[in-house]
Protein backbone atom coordinates (compact mmCIF):
# COMPACT_ATOMS: atom_id res chain seq x y z
CA UNK A 1 2.82 -2.71 4.63
CA UNK A 2 2.80 -5.38 2.17
CA UNK A 3 3.94 -9.06 3.30
CA UNK A 4 4.40 -12.16 1.09
CA UNK A 5 1.49 -14.02 0.61
CA UNK A 6 2.32 -17.59 -1.34
CA UNK A 7 2.86 -18.76 -4.52
CA UNK A 8 2.56 -15.34 -6.18
CA UNK A 9 6.74 -15.64 -6.53
CA UNK A 10 7.60 -15.92 -10.13
CA UNK A 11 4.24 -14.89 -11.39
CA UNK A 12 3.00 -12.33 -14.25
CA UNK A 13 0.49 -10.18 -13.03
CA UNK A 14 -1.23 -6.50 -14.73
CA UNK A 15 -2.95 -4.05 -12.78
CA UNK A 16 -4.41 -1.28 -14.21
CA UNK A 17 -5.54 1.76 -12.51
CA UNK A 18 -1.99 1.18 -11.50
CA UNK A 19 -0.12 3.87 -10.78
CA UNK A 20 -2.28 5.77 -7.66
CA UNK A 21 -4.41 4.37 -4.77
CA UNK A 22 -5.48 0.65 -4.00
CA UNK A 23 -4.12 0.02 -7.40
CA UNK A 24 -0.05 1.23 -6.38
CA UNK A 25 -0.28 -0.36 -3.01
CA UNK A 26 -0.91 -3.91 -4.94
CA UNK A 27 1.95 -3.05 -6.71
CA UNK A 28 4.36 -2.97 -4.19
CA UNK A 29 2.14 -6.29 -2.99
CA UNK A 30 2.67 -8.37 -5.47
CA UNK A 31 5.68 -7.30 -6.09
CA UNK A 32 7.18 -7.28 -2.49
CA UNK A 33 5.43 -11.89 -3.12
CA UNK A 34 7.85 -12.01 -5.77
CA UNK A 35 5.46 -11.18 -8.66
CA UNK A 36 6.89 -9.40 -12.01
CA UNK A 37 4.63 -6.68 -12.80
CA UNK A 38 2.95 -4.16 -15.18
CA UNK A 39 1.54 -1.23 -14.41
CA UNK A 40 -1.41 0.01 -16.69
CA UNK A 41 -2.59 3.47 -16.20
CA UNK A 42 -4.40 6.40 -18.02
CA UNK A 43 -2.03 9.37 -17.59
CA UNK A 44 -0.38 9.92 -14.51
CA UNK A 45 2.61 8.93 -16.13
CA UNK A 46 5.67 10.66 -13.43
CA UNK A 47 3.83 7.87 -11.01
CA UNK A 48 3.24 5.33 -13.03
CA UNK A 49 7.25 5.16 -13.64
CA UNK A 50 7.54 5.78 -9.81
CA UNK A 51 5.67 2.43 -9.51
CA UNK A 52 7.90 0.52 -11.53
CA UNK A 53 10.08 1.87 -9.31
CA UNK A 54 8.82 0.36 -6.00
CA UNK A 55 8.97 -2.52 -7.53
CA UNK A 56 11.87 -3.07 -8.23
CA UNK A 57 13.16 -2.09 -5.45
CA UNK A 58 11.06 -4.98 -3.40
CA UNK A 59 11.39 -7.82 -6.66
CA UNK A 60 14.68 -6.59 -8.42
CA UNK A 61 14.84 -9.86 -10.42
CA UNK A 62 11.35 -9.36 -12.28
CA UNK A 63 9.87 -7.80 -14.84
CA UNK A 64 8.49 -4.31 -14.27
CA UNK A 65 6.97 -2.11 -16.63
CA UNK A 66 3.76 0.46 -16.82
CA UNK A 67 2.09 1.77 -20.47
CA UNK A 68 -0.67 4.35 -21.06
CA UNK A 69 -3.74 4.03 -22.28
CA UNK A 70 -8.02 4.25 -21.85
CA UNK A 71 -8.85 0.55 -21.86
CA UNK A 72 -12.64 1.65 -22.70
CA UNK A 73 -10.74 2.27 -26.58
CA UNK A 74 -9.85 -1.56 -28.58
CA UNK A 75 -6.82 -0.25 -30.08
CA UNK A 76 -5.65 0.92 -26.57
CA UNK A 77 -6.11 -1.29 -25.41
CA UNK A 78 -5.28 -3.75 -27.52
CA UNK A 79 -2.06 -2.73 -27.59
CA UNK A 80 -1.62 -2.41 -23.41
CA UNK A 81 -1.72 -6.60 -24.03
CA UNK A 82 0.05 -7.20 -26.76
CA UNK A 83 2.46 -4.74 -24.59
CA UNK A 84 2.09 -7.80 -21.78
CA UNK A 85 2.91 -10.13 -24.58
CA UNK A 86 5.97 -8.80 -24.98
CA UNK A 87 7.10 -8.73 -21.81
CA UNK A 88 6.09 -11.03 -20.14
CA UNK A 89 5.08 -13.94 -22.92
CA UNK A 90 1.87 -14.82 -21.03
CA UNK A 91 -0.17 -13.50 -17.80
CA UNK A 92 -1.05 -15.36 -14.94
CA UNK A 93 -2.90 -13.23 -13.34
CA UNK A 94 -4.67 -9.60 -13.36
CA UNK A 95 -6.39 -7.16 -11.56
CA UNK A 96 -8.76 -4.64 -12.85
CA UNK A 97 -8.85 -1.39 -10.87
CA UNK A 98 -9.46 0.71 -13.49
CA UNK A 99 -12.54 3.72 -12.26
CA UNK A 100 -13.87 7.16 -11.49
CA UNK A 101 -15.31 8.31 -8.16
CA UNK A 102 -17.11 11.77 -8.79
CA UNK A 103 -16.58 13.57 -5.62
CA UNK A 104 -20.15 15.55 -6.40
CA UNK A 105 -23.19 13.92 -6.46
CA UNK A 106 -25.59 13.84 -8.93
CA UNK A 107 -29.60 13.84 -8.70
CA UNK A 108 -30.65 11.61 -11.04
CA UNK A 109 -32.84 13.87 -11.87
CA UNK A 110 -29.91 16.33 -12.55
CA UNK A 111 -27.61 13.98 -14.58
CA UNK A 112 -27.12 13.59 -18.17
CA UNK A 113 -26.91 10.73 -20.26
CA UNK A 114 -23.20 11.68 -21.22
CA UNK A 115 -22.58 11.81 -17.75
CA UNK A 116 -24.33 8.68 -18.27
CA UNK A 117 -22.62 7.12 -20.78
CA UNK A 118 -18.60 7.45 -19.31
CA UNK A 119 -19.23 6.52 -16.54
CA UNK A 120 -20.47 2.88 -17.95
CA UNK A 121 -17.43 3.68 -20.22
CA UNK A 122 -14.78 4.13 -17.77
CA UNK A 123 -16.31 1.67 -15.25
CA UNK A 124 -17.40 -0.72 -17.23
CA UNK A 125 -16.62 -1.37 -20.69
CA UNK A 126 -12.69 -1.01 -20.07
CA UNK A 127 -13.07 -4.00 -16.91
CA UNK A 128 -15.27 -5.89 -19.90
CA UNK A 129 -12.56 -5.30 -22.73
CA UNK A 130 -8.98 -5.91 -20.26
CA UNK A 131 -11.27 -9.11 -18.77
CA UNK A 132 -11.67 -10.09 -21.85
CA UNK A 133 -7.98 -9.46 -23.36
CA UNK A 134 -6.79 -10.99 -19.93
CA UNK A 135 -8.39 -14.94 -20.16
CA UNK A 136 -7.51 -14.85 -23.54
CA UNK A 137 -3.88 -15.36 -22.58
CA UNK A 138 -4.47 -17.29 -19.20
CA UNK A 139 -3.51 -20.40 -18.92
CA UNK A 140 -4.42 -22.74 -15.98
CA UNK A 141 -4.18 -21.80 -12.48
CA UNK A 142 -5.29 -18.04 -13.71
CA UNK A 143 -6.30 -15.36 -11.20
CA UNK A 144 -8.66 -12.06 -12.22
CA UNK A 145 -9.64 -9.48 -9.84
CA UNK A 146 -11.65 -6.95 -10.33
CA UNK A 147 -12.59 -3.81 -8.25
CA UNK A 148 -16.12 -3.50 -7.12
CA UNK A 149 -17.69 -1.32 -4.22
CA UNK A 150 -19.10 -1.32 -1.60
CA UNK A 151 -22.09 0.97 -3.55
CA UNK A 152 -22.60 -1.43 -5.50
CA UNK A 153 -25.04 -3.43 -2.27
CA UNK A 154 -26.04 0.01 -0.46
CA UNK A 155 -26.41 2.24 -2.85
CA UNK A 156 -25.43 5.95 -3.21
CA UNK A 157 -27.33 8.74 -3.88
CA UNK A 158 -26.30 11.05 -6.61
CA UNK A 159 -23.80 8.71 -7.89
CA UNK A 160 -26.59 6.22 -9.89
CA UNK A 161 -24.62 6.11 -12.52
CA UNK A 162 -21.14 4.79 -10.17
CA UNK A 163 -22.71 1.92 -8.36
CA UNK A 164 -24.40 1.14 -10.93
CA UNK A 165 -21.51 0.08 -13.11
CA UNK A 166 -19.80 -1.61 -9.56
CA UNK A 167 -23.19 -3.54 -9.43
CA UNK A 168 -23.10 -5.01 -13.45
CA UNK A 169 -19.06 -5.64 -12.49
CA UNK A 170 -20.75 -7.70 -9.36
CA UNK A 171 -23.11 -9.83 -11.86
CA UNK A 172 -19.85 -10.24 -14.83
CA UNK A 173 -17.96 -11.55 -12.05
CA UNK A 174 -19.76 -13.71 -11.27
CA UNK A 175 -21.17 -15.26 -14.43
CA UNK A 176 -17.23 -15.45 -16.35
CA UNK A 177 -16.67 -17.45 -13.37
CA UNK A 178 -18.30 -20.01 -14.60
CA UNK A 179 -17.40 -19.33 -17.86
CA UNK A 180 -13.94 -19.26 -17.23
CA UNK A 181 -13.63 -21.89 -14.05
CA UNK A 182 -13.10 -25.12 -16.35
CA UNK A 183 -10.42 -23.42 -17.42
CA UNK A 184 -9.22 -23.26 -13.90
CA UNK A 185 -8.72 -19.36 -13.92
CA UNK A 186 -9.81 -18.32 -10.81
CA UNK A 187 -12.61 -14.80 -11.43
CA UNK A 188 -13.17 -12.96 -7.83
CA UNK A 189 -13.90 -9.26 -6.60
CA UNK A 190 -13.27 -6.86 -3.33
CA UNK A 191 -15.47 -4.25 -2.69
CA UNK A 192 -13.93 -1.37 -0.89
CA UNK A 193 -16.19 1.33 1.17
CA UNK A 194 -14.20 4.19 1.99
CA UNK A 195 -11.28 4.06 1.05
CA UNK A 196 -8.42 6.81 2.51
CA UNK A 197 -6.90 8.27 -1.45
CA UNK A 198 -6.40 11.37 -3.02
CA UNK A 199 -9.67 9.75 -5.16
CA UNK A 200 -11.50 10.06 -1.69
CA UNK A 201 -10.03 12.61 0.01
CA UNK A 202 -12.25 15.57 -0.97
CA UNK A 203 -15.41 13.70 0.04
CA UNK A 204 -14.10 13.20 3.87
CA UNK A 205 -12.90 15.99 5.03
CA UNK A 206 -15.78 18.09 7.43
CA UNK A 207 -19.14 16.61 8.12
CA UNK A 208 -19.38 14.61 5.15
CA UNK A 209 -15.99 12.89 6.47
CA UNK A 210 -17.41 12.43 9.81
CA UNK A 211 -21.19 11.33 8.46
CA UNK A 212 -19.03 8.09 6.82
CA UNK A 213 -16.63 7.35 10.34
CA UNK A 214 -20.20 7.37 11.70
CA UNK A 215 -21.50 4.30 9.21
CA UNK A 216 -18.12 1.86 9.60
CA UNK A 217 -18.48 -0.36 12.17
CA UNK A 218 -14.17 -0.82 12.99
CA UNK A 219 -14.14 3.03 13.50
CA UNK A 220 -11.25 4.16 10.97
CA UNK A 221 -11.47 4.33 6.34
CA UNK A 222 -9.01 1.84 5.63
CA UNK A 223 -6.00 2.37 3.74
CA UNK A 224 -5.10 1.48 0.45
CA UNK A 225 -2.82 -1.93 1.51
CA UNK A 226 -5.85 -2.34 3.54
CA UNK A 227 -7.30 -3.27 0.07
CA UNK A 228 -4.38 -4.31 -1.60
CA UNK A 229 -3.75 -7.51 0.94
CA UNK A 230 -7.15 -9.29 0.13
CA UNK A 231 -6.69 -7.89 -3.57
CA UNK A 232 -3.09 -10.22 -3.74
CA UNK A 233 -4.56 -13.06 -1.04
CA UNK A 234 -7.17 -13.70 -3.74
CA UNK A 235 -4.95 -13.90 -6.70
CA UNK A 236 -2.38 -16.48 -4.12
CA UNK A 237 -2.51 -19.58 -3.85
CA UNK A 238 -4.09 -19.71 -0.79
CA UNK A 239 -7.09 -19.03 -2.34
CA UNK A 240 -7.56 -21.14 -4.67
CA UNK A 241 -11.15 -22.93 -3.96
CA UNK A 242 -12.15 -19.19 -4.31
CA UNK A 243 -14.37 -18.07 -7.07
CA UNK A 244 -17.08 -15.88 -7.83
CA UNK A 245 -17.70 -14.47 -5.10
CA UNK A 246 -16.90 -10.91 -3.90
CA UNK A 247 -15.04 -10.03 -1.14
CA UNK A 248 -16.27 -6.83 1.34
CA UNK A 249 -13.46 -5.25 2.38
CA UNK A 250 -15.26 -2.26 4.45
CA UNK A 251 -14.39 -2.03 8.15
CA UNK A 252 -18.48 -3.35 7.82
CA UNK A 253 -20.14 -0.41 6.25
CA UNK A 254 -22.70 -2.43 5.00
CA UNK A 255 -24.15 -3.83 7.90
CA UNK A 256 -24.84 0.07 8.85
CA UNK A 257 -27.28 1.99 7.14
């Protein structure tokens, strides 16, 4: 269950990939803490509308809205932030959560250039473009949280393009934390391991799921709420002296194998 965190009441936060999974859980947690939330999404229209309805039920006095777009496309990315300007008149927080992971393994020898390019455009170019727009709109005490992955640190056979995109997000996070620190803007990343969402549910079935579970010292796969809580912590006043960090939220799986 989402709980109220200090220093989020009245904040204006945009969450990409906010219609499902980790993003939607983050929207709920933010709204429960009194924030106004913009939900950016790519395709899931109905889910996005439901996410906004949930936010309104939790924080009826806030401004909650959703907008569709491909953030790797410059015009669509700009349009999203123009909508944020119109709805919010500014931005206090940004969560860069949009991204994809493919269940099917692609060994390097068969990984095509187009597949490589699409993964980096979706997972990395969209983060660059949207984070740049967010930073342009933030004043002092702004917060940026990017969603990375445990795969960025331990590697993931058959998913080198995904791991590379998330490793680049870690480096991007640390670099812009040094740039934006003098403006009192904090930049951090959260690196989940396995999470029980639509994106990973098929990969967690049967023997593959048992193998994944065996590498998690805490003995369970994370829920979306388990990741949303740390994201919202990094957006809150409780994390005001944390920047440039990659926060692992994976049940200890980077410790095993």
